[in-house]
Amino acid sequence: MLSQRYGNAFSLIPEEKRGPGSKLMLSFERAKKTFDGDLDMPFRFEVPSLARLIKQEGVPVVGFDMSDSEVVLTGYSIPVPVT
């Protein structure tokens, strides 16, 4: 989802910093646990290196708080698998 949203800026983050077990994924998992089902309530998680890469790559800032280097998602942002 983040690679779709932020494209090359996200892909440029080294795999060890964005893959399973990384600080980024652990931060995302913590944030996800705070999600209570309210689709409008945002949850946030830090991706410090993404702010610099967004600027560098000229990616449109969608759901990213540049001042806090945080991705901001709501329940509407998360793709739901079709079953």
C-alpha atoms as a PDB file:
ATOM      1  CA  MET A   1       0.000   0.000   0.000  1.00  0.00           C
ATOM      2  CA  LEU A   2       2.789   2.462   0.878  1.00  0.00           C
ATOM      3  CA  SER A   3       4.643   1.722  -2.340  1.00  0.00           C
ATOM      4  CA  GLN A   4       1.432   2.418  -4.282  1.00  0.00           C
ATOM      5  CA  ARG A   5       0.862   5.671  -2.415  1.00  0.00           C
ATOM      6  CA  TYR A   6       4.437   7.010  -2.343  1.00  0.00           C
ATOM      7  CA  GLY A   7       5.936   5.170  -5.322  1.00  0.00           C
ATOM      8  CA  ASN A   8       9.658   5.441  -5.818  1.00  0.00           C
ATOM      9  CA  ALA A   9      10.093   7.452  -2.610  1.00  0.00           C
ATOM     10  CA  PHE A  10       9.005   4.417  -0.568  1.00  0.00           C
ATOM     11  CA  SER A  11      10.868   1.931  -2.765  1.00  0.00           C
ATOM     12  CA  LEU A  12      14.123   3.838  -2.222  1.00  0.00           C
ATOM     13  CA  ILE A  13      14.019   3.060   1.506  1.00  0.00           C
ATOM     14  CA  PRO A  14      16.341   0.074   1.951  1.00  0.00           C
ATOM     15  CA  GLU A  15      14.505  -3.237   2.447  1.00  0.00           C
ATOM     16  CA  GLU A  16      16.018  -3.743   5.903  1.00  0.00           C
ATOM     17  CA  LYS A  17      14.421  -0.448   6.978  1.00  0.00           C
ATOM     18  CA  ARG A  18      10.964  -1.115   5.513  1.00  0.00           C
ATOM     19  CA  GLY A  19      10.589  -4.894   5.437  1.00  0.00           C
ATOM     20  CA  PRO A  20       9.296  -7.368   8.019  1.00  0.00           C
ATOM     21  CA  GLY A  21      10.713  -6.770  11.502  1.00  0.00           C
ATOM     22  CA  SER A  22      11.979  -3.289  10.603  1.00  0.00           C
ATOM     23  CA  LYS A  23      11.431  -0.266  12.832  1.00  0.00           C
ATOM     24  CA  LEU A  24       8.936   1.034  10.253  1.00  0.00           C
ATOM     25  CA  MET A  25       6.878  -2.173  10.288  1.00  0.00           C
ATOM     26  CA  LEU A  26       6.991  -2.395  14.082  1.00  0.00           C
ATOM     27  CA  SER A  27       5.766   1.209  14.246  1.00  0.00           C
ATOM     28  CA  PHE A  28       2.980   0.366  11.786  1.00  0.00           C
ATOM     29  CA  GLU A  29       1.958  -2.698  13.821  1.00  0.00           C
ATOM     30  CA  ARG A  30       1.786  -0.609  17.017  1.00  0.00           C
ATOM     31  CA  ALA A  31      -0.329   2.020  15.258  1.00  0.00           C
ATOM     32  CA  LYS A  32      -2.576  -0.629  13.734  1.00  0.00           C
ATOM     33  CA  LYS A  33      -3.337  -2.010  17.192  1.00  0.00           C
ATOM     34  CA  THR A  34      -4.774   1.379  18.175  1.00  0.00           C
ATOM     35  CA  PHE A  35      -7.302   1.188  15.327  1.00  0.00           C
ATOM     36  CA  ASP A  36     -10.714   0.708  16.943  1.00  0.00           C
ATOM     37  CA  GLY A  37     -12.857   0.304  13.836  1.00  0.00           C
ATOM     38  CA  ASP A  38     -13.758   3.986  13.486  1.00  0.00           C
ATOM     39  CA  LEU A  39     -13.026   4.476   9.791  1.00  0.00           C
ATOM     40  CA  ASP A  40     -12.693   8.257  10.223  1.00  0.00           C
ATOM     41  CA  MET A  41     -10.239   8.129  13.147  1.00  0.00           C
ATOM     42  CA  PRO A  42      -6.666   8.541  11.874  1.00  0.00           C
ATOM     43  CA  PHE A  43      -3.776   6.473  13.108  1.00  0.00           C
ATOM     44  CA  ARG A  44      -0.185   7.528  12.601  1.00  0.00           C
ATOM     45  CA  PHE A  45       3.196   5.883  12.376  1.00  0.00           C
ATOM     46  CA  GLU A  46       6.655   7.276  11.850  1.00  0.00           C
ATOM     47  CA  VAL A  47       8.635   6.924   8.641  1.00  0.00           C
ATOM     48  CA  PRO A  48      11.412   9.495   9.125  1.00  0.00           C
ATOM     49  CA  SER A  49      13.344   8.679   5.948  1.00  0.00           C
ATOM     50  CA  LEU A  50      10.231   8.993   3.788  1.00  0.00           C
ATOM     51  CA  ALA A  51       9.916  12.774   4.257  1.00  0.00           C
ATOM     52  CA  ARG A  52      13.302  13.397   2.664  1.00  0.00           C
ATOM     53  CA  LEU A  53      12.583  10.979  -0.182  1.00  0.00           C
ATOM     54  CA  ILE A  54       9.156  12.488  -0.858  1.00  0.00           C
ATOM     55  CA  LYS A  55      10.820  15.872  -1.311  1.00  0.00           C
ATOM     56  CA  GLN A  56      13.649  14.390  -3.374  1.00  0.00           C
ATOM     57  CA  GLU A  57      11.335  12.431  -5.697  1.00  0.00           C
ATOM     58  CA  GLY A  58       8.655  15.137  -5.923  1.00  0.00           C
ATOM     59  CA  VAL A  59       5.922  12.703  -4.876  1.00  0.00           C
ATOM     60  CA  PRO A  60       2.546  14.296  -4.078  1.00  0.00           C
ATOM     61  CA  VAL A  61       2.035  14.326  -0.327  1.00  0.00           C
ATOM     62  CA  VAL A  62      -1.048  12.236   0.385  1.00  0.00           C
ATOM     63  CA  GLY A  63      -1.643  11.188   3.959  1.00  0.00           C
ATOM     64  CA  PHE A  64       1.819  12.199   5.131  1.00  0.00           C
ATOM     65  CA  ASP A  65       2.541  14.730   7.869  1.00  0.00           C
ATOM     66  CA  MET A  66       5.816  16.293   6.739  1.00  0.00           C
ATOM     67  CA  SER A  67       6.365  18.127  10.034  1.00  0.00           C
ATOM     68  CA  ASP A  68       6.236  14.925  12.099  1.00  0.00           C
ATOM     69  CA  SER A  69       7.466  12.503   9.389  1.00  0.00           C
ATOM     70  CA  GLU A  70       4.395  10.351   9.912  1.00  0.00           C
ATOM     71  CA  VAL A  71       2.092   8.459   7.605  1.00  0.00           C
ATOM     72  CA  VAL A  72      -1.501   9.267   8.538  1.00  0.00           C
ATOM     73  CA  LEU A  73      -4.089   6.625   7.678  1.00  0.00           C
ATOM     74  CA  THR A  74      -7.763   6.111   8.353  1.00  0.00           C
ATOM     75  CA  GLY A  75      -9.807   2.971   7.948  1.00  0.00           C
ATOM     76  CA  TYR A  76     -10.789   4.247   4.519  1.00  0.00           C
ATOM     77  CA  SER A  77      -7.103   4.276   3.491  1.00  0.00           C
ATOM     78  CA  ILE A  78      -6.575   0.579   4.095  1.00  0.00           C
ATOM     79  CA  PRO A  79      -7.442  -1.649   1.171  1.00  0.00           C
ATOM     80  CA  VAL A  80      -9.813  -4.411   2.193  1.00  0.00           C
ATOM     81  CA  PRO A  81      -9.341  -7.720   0.394  1.00  0.00           C
ATOM     82  CA  VAL A  82     -12.385  -8.859  -1.556  1.00  0.00           C
ATOM     83  CA  THR A  83     -13.511 -12.317  -0.544  1.00  0.00           C
END
